[in-house]
Amino acid sequence: MFGPYTGFILPSYAVSALVIVIMIVRIMLQYKAQQREIARLEAAGIKRRSAK
């Protein structure tokens, strides 16, 4: 069923999937941190230029 290169291909797919999941989680955490920072700055009275 599996060819002679299965030992190389399956770990490659696993590592690639793991890297993609880590990148997605990191992006989500950075997004939440940026949203908190924006809220903190707006609460301090600093407005966005785009809010004009």
N, C-alpha and C. Protein backbone atom coordinates (compact mmCIF):
# COMPACT_ATOMS: atom_id res chain seq x y z
N MET A 1 0.82 -1.19 0.00
CA MET A 1 0.00 0.00 0.00
C MET A 1 0.87 1.26 0.00
N PHE A 2 1.88 1.30 0.85
CA PHE A 2 2.76 2.45 0.90
C PHE A 2 4.04 2.12 0.13
N GLY A 3 4.58 3.16 -0.50
CA GLY A 3 5.79 2.96 -1.27
C GLY A 3 7.05 3.04 -0.42
N PRO A 4 8.18 2.94 -1.08
CA PRO A 4 9.45 2.95 -0.34
C PRO A 4 9.80 4.31 0.27
N TYR A 5 9.12 5.37 -0.15
CA TYR A 5 9.45 6.71 0.34
C TYR A 5 8.49 7.20 1.41
N THR A 6 7.62 6.34 1.86
CA THR A 6 6.63 6.72 2.87
C THR A 6 7.30 7.24 4.13
N GLY A 7 8.43 6.68 4.51
CA GLY A 7 9.14 7.10 5.71
C GLY A 7 9.64 8.53 5.63
N PHE A 8 9.76 9.08 4.43
CA PHE A 8 10.18 10.46 4.25
C PHE A 8 8.98 11.38 4.03
N ILE A 9 8.00 10.90 3.30
CA ILE A 9 6.87 11.74 2.91
C ILE A 9 5.94 12.03 4.09
N LEU A 10 5.57 11.01 4.83
CA LEU A 10 4.64 11.23 5.95
C LEU A 10 5.21 12.17 7.01
N PRO A 11 6.45 12.03 7.45
CA PRO A 11 7.00 13.01 8.40
C PRO A 11 7.06 14.42 7.81
N SER A 12 7.32 14.51 6.52
CA SER A 12 7.36 15.83 5.88
C SER A 12 5.99 16.51 5.95
N TYR A 13 4.94 15.74 5.67
CA TYR A 13 3.59 16.28 5.77
C TYR A 13 3.27 16.65 7.22
N ALA A 14 3.68 15.83 8.16
CA ALA A 14 3.41 16.10 9.57
C ALA A 14 4.11 17.37 10.03
N VAL A 15 5.36 17.53 9.65
CA VAL A 15 6.10 18.74 10.03
C VAL A 15 5.47 19.97 9.38
N SER A 16 5.10 19.86 8.13
CA SER A 16 4.46 20.99 7.44
C SER A 16 3.15 21.37 8.11
N ALA A 17 2.34 20.39 8.45
CA ALA A 17 1.06 20.67 9.12
C ALA A 17 1.30 21.31 10.48
N LEU A 18 2.29 20.83 11.21
CA LEU A 18 2.61 21.40 12.52
C LEU A 18 3.05 22.85 12.39
N VAL A 19 3.88 23.15 11.41
CA VAL A 19 4.34 24.53 11.20
C VAL A 19 3.17 25.44 10.85
N ILE A 20 2.27 24.97 10.02
CA ILE A 20 1.10 25.78 9.64
C ILE A 20 0.22 26.04 10.85
N VAL A 21 -0.01 25.04 11.68
CA VAL A 21 -0.82 25.21 12.89
C VAL A 21 -0.16 26.21 13.83
N ILE A 22 1.15 26.09 14.01
CA ILE A 22 1.87 27.03 14.88
C ILE A 22 1.76 28.45 14.34
N MET A 23 1.87 28.62 13.04
CA MET A 23 1.75 29.95 12.45
C MET A 23 0.36 30.53 12.66
N ILE A 24 -0.68 29.72 12.49
CA ILE A 24 -2.05 30.18 12.69
C ILE A 24 -2.26 30.61 14.14
N VAL A 25 -1.79 29.81 15.08
CA VAL A 25 -1.94 30.14 16.50
C VAL A 25 -1.19 31.43 16.82
N ARG A 26 0.02 31.56 16.30
CA ARG A 26 0.80 32.78 16.56
C ARG A 26 0.11 34.02 16.00
N ILE A 27 -0.44 33.92 14.81
CA ILE A 27 -1.16 35.04 14.21
C ILE A 27 -2.37 35.41 15.06
N MET A 28 -3.09 34.41 15.54
CA MET A 28 -4.27 34.69 16.38
C MET A 28 -3.86 35.37 17.69
N LEU A 29 -2.78 34.92 18.31
CA LEU A 29 -2.31 35.54 19.55
C LEU A 29 -1.84 36.97 19.31
N GLN A 30 -1.14 37.20 18.21
CA GLN A 30 -0.69 38.55 17.89
C GLN A 30 -1.86 39.48 17.60
N TYR A 31 -2.88 38.95 16.92
CA TYR A 31 -4.07 39.75 16.64
C TYR A 31 -4.75 40.19 17.94
N LYS A 32 -4.90 39.26 18.87
CA LYS A 32 -5.54 39.60 20.15
C LYS A 32 -4.69 40.61 20.92
N ALA A 33 -3.38 40.47 20.88
CA ALA A 33 -2.50 41.42 21.57
C ALA A 33 -2.62 42.80 20.95
N GLN A 34 -2.70 42.87 19.64
CA GLN A 34 -2.85 44.16 18.96
C GLN A 34 -4.20 44.80 19.30
N GLN A 35 -5.24 43.99 19.36
CA GLN A 35 -6.55 44.52 19.72
C GLN A 35 -6.54 45.09 21.14
N ARG A 36 -5.88 44.40 22.07
CA ARG A 36 -5.76 44.91 23.44
C ARG A 36 -4.97 46.22 23.48
N GLU A 37 -3.90 46.29 22.69
CA GLU A 37 -3.09 47.51 22.66
C GLU A 37 -3.88 48.67 22.08
N ILE A 38 -4.64 48.43 21.03
CA ILE A 38 -5.48 49.48 20.44
C ILE A 38 -6.51 49.96 21.46
N ALA A 39 -7.14 49.03 22.15
CA ALA A 39 -8.14 49.41 23.16
C ALA A 39 -7.49 50.22 24.28
N ARG A 40 -6.28 49.83 24.69
CA ARG A 40 -5.57 50.56 25.74
C ARG A 40 -5.24 51.98 25.28
N LEU A 41 -4.77 52.13 24.06
CA LEU A 41 -4.43 53.45 23.55
C LEU A 41 -5.67 54.33 23.39
N GLU A 42 -6.75 53.75 22.90
CA GLU A 42 -7.99 54.53 22.75
C GLU A 42 -8.54 54.93 24.11
N ALA A 43 -8.41 54.08 25.11
CA ALA A 43 -8.85 54.42 26.46
C ALA A 43 -8.01 55.55 27.04
N ALA A 44 -6.75 55.65 26.60
CA ALA A 44 -5.86 56.71 27.07
C ALA A 44 -6.10 58.02 26.31
N GLY A 45 -7.00 58.01 25.33
CA GLY A 45 -7.33 59.21 24.59
C GLY A 45 -6.62 59.36 23.27
N ILE A 46 -5.82 58.40 22.90
CA ILE A 46 -5.12 58.44 21.62
C ILE A 46 -6.05 57.88 20.55
N LYS A 47 -6.28 58.66 19.52
CA LYS A 47 -7.21 58.26 18.47
C LYS A 47 -6.46 57.81 17.22
N ARG A 48 -7.11 56.99 16.43
CA ARG A 48 -6.54 56.53 15.17
C ARG A 48 -6.69 57.62 14.12
N ARG A 49 -5.74 57.71 13.22
CA ARG A 49 -5.84 58.68 12.11
C ARG A 49 -7.02 58.33 11.22
N SER A 50 -7.34 57.07 11.10
CA SER A 50 -8.43 56.66 10.20
C SER A 50 -9.81 56.95 10.81
N ALA A 51 -9.87 57.38 12.07
CA ALA A 51 -11.15 57.62 12.73
C ALA A 51 -11.69 59.02 12.46
N LYS A 52 -11.04 59.80 11.60
CA LYS A 52 -11.46 61.18 11.34
C LYS A 52 -12.76 61.29 10.65
